[in-house]
Amino acid sequence: MITLNEFFDGNDNEGSIAPNQWGYGRPALAELAERLRVIEQREDVAWVRVQLHPETMEMEELAGEAVAICTTAGESVRAAWIEGLEASGTIPELVDVYRDIPAVPHGATVWSVMWD
């Protein structure tokens, strides 16, 4: 998993995350990055990270599999965050096994925003 800055700064590849939704309702990469950065600044959010696709290590470009949001926010709040992102939903876990996962504060849950 990497930070939003590590994934989005200097990244202009629209297919680097949710490529199947690009052109079909997913906002441009810059807008997606901005929306996630706004979420990251909320008091009820501990951190936000991009979960990399397993094949990223073999590729020269980044490929995001999902976005992890560590938060205490309730379901209706989380649903509002992803409205308009053309995400297929959220699950209360990471989509793969990762190293260097930031600490999860007491009472918080890590939710993965996924695109199929």
C-alpha atoms as a PDB file:
ATOM      1  CA  MET A   1       0.000   0.000   0.000  1.00  0.00           C
ATOM      2  CA  ILE A   2       1.179   3.478  -0.764  1.00  0.00           C
ATOM      3  CA  THR A   3       0.095   6.982   0.186  1.00  0.00           C
ATOM      4  CA  LEU A   4      -2.120   9.113  -2.002  1.00  0.00           C
ATOM      5  CA  ASN A   5       0.849  11.349  -2.809  1.00  0.00           C
ATOM      6  CA  GLU A   6       2.994   8.370  -3.797  1.00  0.00           C
ATOM      7  CA  PHE A   7       0.290   7.115  -6.145  1.00  0.00           C
ATOM      8  CA  PHE A   8      -1.201  10.292  -7.596  1.00  0.00           C
ATOM      9  CA  ASP A   9       1.620  12.866  -7.681  1.00  0.00           C
ATOM     10  CA  GLY A  10       2.986  12.924 -11.228  1.00  0.00           C
ATOM     11  CA  ASN A  11       0.619  10.140 -12.295  1.00  0.00           C
ATOM     12  CA  ASP A  12      -1.376  11.048 -15.397  1.00  0.00           C
ATOM     13  CA  ASN A  13      -2.260   7.491 -16.439  1.00  0.00           C
ATOM     14  CA  GLU A  14      -6.064   7.411 -16.280  1.00  0.00           C
ATOM     15  CA  GLY A  15      -5.945   3.616 -16.465  1.00  0.00           C
ATOM     16  CA  SER A  16      -3.824   3.277 -13.336  1.00  0.00           C
ATOM     17  CA  ILE A  17      -6.881   2.753 -11.120  1.00  0.00           C
ATOM     18  CA  ALA A  18     -10.413   1.613 -11.994  1.00  0.00           C
ATOM     19  CA  PRO A  19      -9.539   1.433 -15.700  1.00  0.00           C
ATOM     20  CA  ASN A  20     -12.830  -0.282 -16.598  1.00  0.00           C
ATOM     21  CA  GLN A  21     -14.792   2.680 -15.238  1.00  0.00           C
ATOM     22  CA  TRP A  22     -12.697   5.379 -16.929  1.00  0.00           C
ATOM     23  CA  GLY A  23     -14.873   6.840 -19.662  1.00  0.00           C
ATOM     24  CA  TYR A  24     -17.954   5.278 -18.057  1.00  0.00           C
ATOM     25  CA  GLY A  25     -18.537   7.620 -15.137  1.00  0.00           C
ATOM     26  CA  ARG A  26     -15.373   7.439 -13.064  1.00  0.00           C
ATOM     27  CA  PRO A  27     -14.027  10.946 -12.556  1.00  0.00           C
ATOM     28  CA  ALA A  28     -10.665  11.957 -13.972  1.00  0.00           C
ATOM     29  CA  LEU A  29      -7.624  10.874 -11.980  1.00  0.00           C
ATOM     30  CA  ALA A  30      -6.988  14.414 -10.706  1.00  0.00           C
ATOM     31  CA  GLU A  31     -10.552  14.702  -9.377  1.00  0.00           C
ATOM     32  CA  LEU A  32     -10.379  11.235  -7.820  1.00  0.00           C
ATOM     33  CA  ALA A  33      -7.124  12.193  -6.088  1.00  0.00           C
ATOM     34  CA  GLU A  34      -8.626  15.435  -4.786  1.00  0.00           C
ATOM     35  CA  ARG A  35     -11.733  13.702  -3.432  1.00  0.00           C
ATOM     36  CA  LEU A  36      -9.614  11.101  -1.651  1.00  0.00           C
ATOM     37  CA  ARG A  37      -7.373  13.814  -0.195  1.00  0.00           C
ATOM     38  CA  VAL A  38     -10.434  15.603   1.206  1.00  0.00           C
ATOM     39  CA  ILE A  39     -11.552  12.337   2.826  1.00  0.00           C
ATOM     40  CA  GLU A  40      -8.055  11.816   4.231  1.00  0.00           C
ATOM     41  CA  GLN A  41      -8.225  15.186   6.047  1.00  0.00           C
ATOM     42  CA  ARG A  42     -11.427  14.356   7.938  1.00  0.00           C
ATOM     43  CA  GLU A  43     -11.242  13.957  11.722  1.00  0.00           C
ATOM     44  CA  ASP A  44     -12.948  10.547  11.525  1.00  0.00           C
ATOM     45  CA  VAL A  45     -10.309   9.211   9.098  1.00  0.00           C
ATOM     46  CA  ALA A  46      -6.961   7.922  10.364  1.00  0.00           C
ATOM     47  CA  TRP A  47      -5.429   7.317   6.931  1.00  0.00           C
ATOM     48  CA  VAL A  48      -6.086   6.573   3.250  1.00  0.00           C
ATOM     49  CA  ARG A  49      -3.852   4.379   1.086  1.00  0.00           C
ATOM     50  CA  VAL A  50      -3.915   2.979  -2.434  1.00  0.00           C
ATOM     51  CA  GLN A  51      -3.772  -0.797  -2.471  1.00  0.00           C
ATOM     52  CA  LEU A  52      -1.579  -1.810  -5.370  1.00  0.00           C
ATOM     53  CA  HIS A  53      -2.458  -4.526  -7.840  1.00  0.00           C
ATOM     54  CA  PRO A  54      -0.236  -7.589  -7.292  1.00  0.00           C
ATOM     55  CA  GLU A  55       1.229  -7.232 -10.792  1.00  0.00           C
ATOM     56  CA  THR A  56       2.509  -3.710 -10.057  1.00  0.00           C
ATOM     57  CA  MET A  57       5.860  -5.115  -8.960  1.00  0.00           C
ATOM     58  CA  GLU A  58       6.317  -6.633 -12.421  1.00  0.00           C
ATOM     59  CA  MET A  59       5.194  -3.534 -14.309  1.00  0.00           C
ATOM     60  CA  GLU A  60       6.845  -0.188 -14.873  1.00  0.00           C
ATOM     61  CA  GLU A  61       3.691   1.754 -13.993  1.00  0.00           C
ATOM     62  CA  LEU A  62       1.571   1.838 -10.863  1.00  0.00           C
ATOM     63  CA  ALA A  63      -1.697  -0.077 -10.896  1.00  0.00           C
ATOM     64  CA  GLY A  64      -4.175   0.518  -8.091  1.00  0.00           C
ATOM     65  CA  GLU A  65      -6.418  -2.367  -7.076  1.00  0.00           C
ATOM     66  CA  ALA A  66      -8.491  -0.533  -4.450  1.00  0.00           C
ATOM     67  CA  VAL A  67      -8.355   2.334  -1.967  1.00  0.00           C
ATOM     68  CA  ALA A  68      -8.141   1.612   1.767  1.00  0.00           C
ATOM     69  CA  ILE A  69      -9.777   4.072   4.145  1.00  0.00           C
ATOM     70  CA  CYS A  70      -9.221   3.643   7.880  1.00  0.00           C
ATOM     71  CA  THR A  71     -12.145   5.349   9.580  1.00  0.00           C
ATOM     72  CA  THR A  72     -14.718   5.404  12.343  1.00  0.00           C
ATOM     73  CA  ALA A  73     -17.351   6.874   9.997  1.00  0.00           C
ATOM     74  CA  GLY A  74     -20.688   5.124   9.670  1.00  0.00           C
ATOM     75  CA  GLU A  75     -22.124   3.461   6.596  1.00  0.00           C
ATOM     76  CA  SER A  76     -24.129   6.423   5.280  1.00  0.00           C
ATOM     77  CA  VAL A  77     -21.094   8.714   5.538  1.00  0.00           C
ATOM     78  CA  ARG A  78     -18.854   6.204   3.743  1.00  0.00           C
ATOM     79  CA  ALA A  79     -21.481   5.715   1.040  1.00  0.00           C
ATOM     80  CA  ALA A  80     -21.557   9.468   0.411  1.00  0.00           C
ATOM     81  CA  TRP A  81     -17.762   9.514   0.006  1.00  0.00           C
ATOM     82  CA  ILE A  82     -17.816   7.079  -2.909  1.00  0.00           C
ATOM     83  CA  GLU A  83     -20.923   8.434  -4.620  1.00  0.00           C
ATOM     84  CA  GLY A  84     -20.065   9.289  -8.220  1.00  0.00           C
ATOM     85  CA  LEU A  85     -16.766   7.377  -8.226  1.00  0.00           C
ATOM     86  CA  GLU A  86     -18.373   4.444 -10.071  1.00  0.00           C
ATOM     87  CA  ALA A  87     -17.021   2.158  -7.354  1.00  0.00           C
ATOM     88  CA  SER A  88     -18.644  -1.242  -6.997  1.00  0.00           C
ATOM     89  CA  GLY A  89     -18.749  -0.821  -3.235  1.00  0.00           C
ATOM     90  CA  THR A  90     -16.756  -1.179  -0.049  1.00  0.00           C
ATOM     91  CA  ILE A  91     -15.699  -4.156   2.046  1.00  0.00           C
ATOM     92  CA  PRO A  92     -14.471  -4.103   5.676  1.00  0.00           C
ATOM     93  CA  GLU A  93     -11.016  -5.483   4.918  1.00  0.00           C
ATOM     94  CA  LEU A  94      -8.046  -5.130   2.597  1.00  0.00           C
ATOM     95  CA  VAL A  95      -8.313  -6.771  -0.831  1.00  0.00           C
ATOM     96  CA  ASP A  96      -4.948  -8.529  -0.477  1.00  0.00           C
ATOM     97  CA  VAL A  97      -2.161  -9.111   2.033  1.00  0.00           C
ATOM     98  CA  TYR A  98       0.124  -6.092   2.400  1.00  0.00           C
ATOM     99  CA  ARG A  99       3.161  -5.167   4.472  1.00  0.00           C
ATOM    100  CA  ASP A 100       3.733  -1.853   6.211  1.00  0.00           C
ATOM    101  CA  ILE A 101       0.088  -1.290   7.066  1.00  0.00           C
ATOM    102  CA  PRO A 102      -0.376   1.822   9.218  1.00  0.00           C
ATOM    103  CA  ALA A 103      -1.769   1.352  12.716  1.00  0.00           C
ATOM    104  CA  VAL A 104      -5.540   1.090  12.979  1.00  0.00           C
ATOM    105  CA  PRO A 105      -6.772   3.187  15.919  1.00  0.00           C
ATOM    106  CA  HIS A 106      -9.182   1.670  18.436  1.00  0.00           C
ATOM    107  CA  GLY A 107     -12.721   1.801  17.095  1.00  0.00           C
ATOM    108  CA  ALA A 108     -11.654   2.288  13.475  1.00  0.00           C
ATOM    109  CA  THR A 109     -12.093  -0.138  10.588  1.00  0.00           C
ATOM    110  CA  VAL A 110     -10.234  -0.364   7.301  1.00  0.00           C
ATOM    111  CA  TRP A 111     -12.671  -0.243   4.384  1.00  0.00           C
ATOM    112  CA  SER A 112     -11.623  -1.008   0.824  1.00  0.00           C
ATOM    113  CA  VAL A 113     -13.224   0.958  -1.987  1.00  0.00           C
ATOM    114  CA  MET A 114     -13.301  -1.396  -4.958  1.00  0.00           C
ATOM    115  CA  TRP A 115     -13.912  -1.158  -8.661  1.00  0.00           C
ATOM    116  CA  ASP A 116     -14.742  -4.282 -10.667  1.00  0.00           C
END
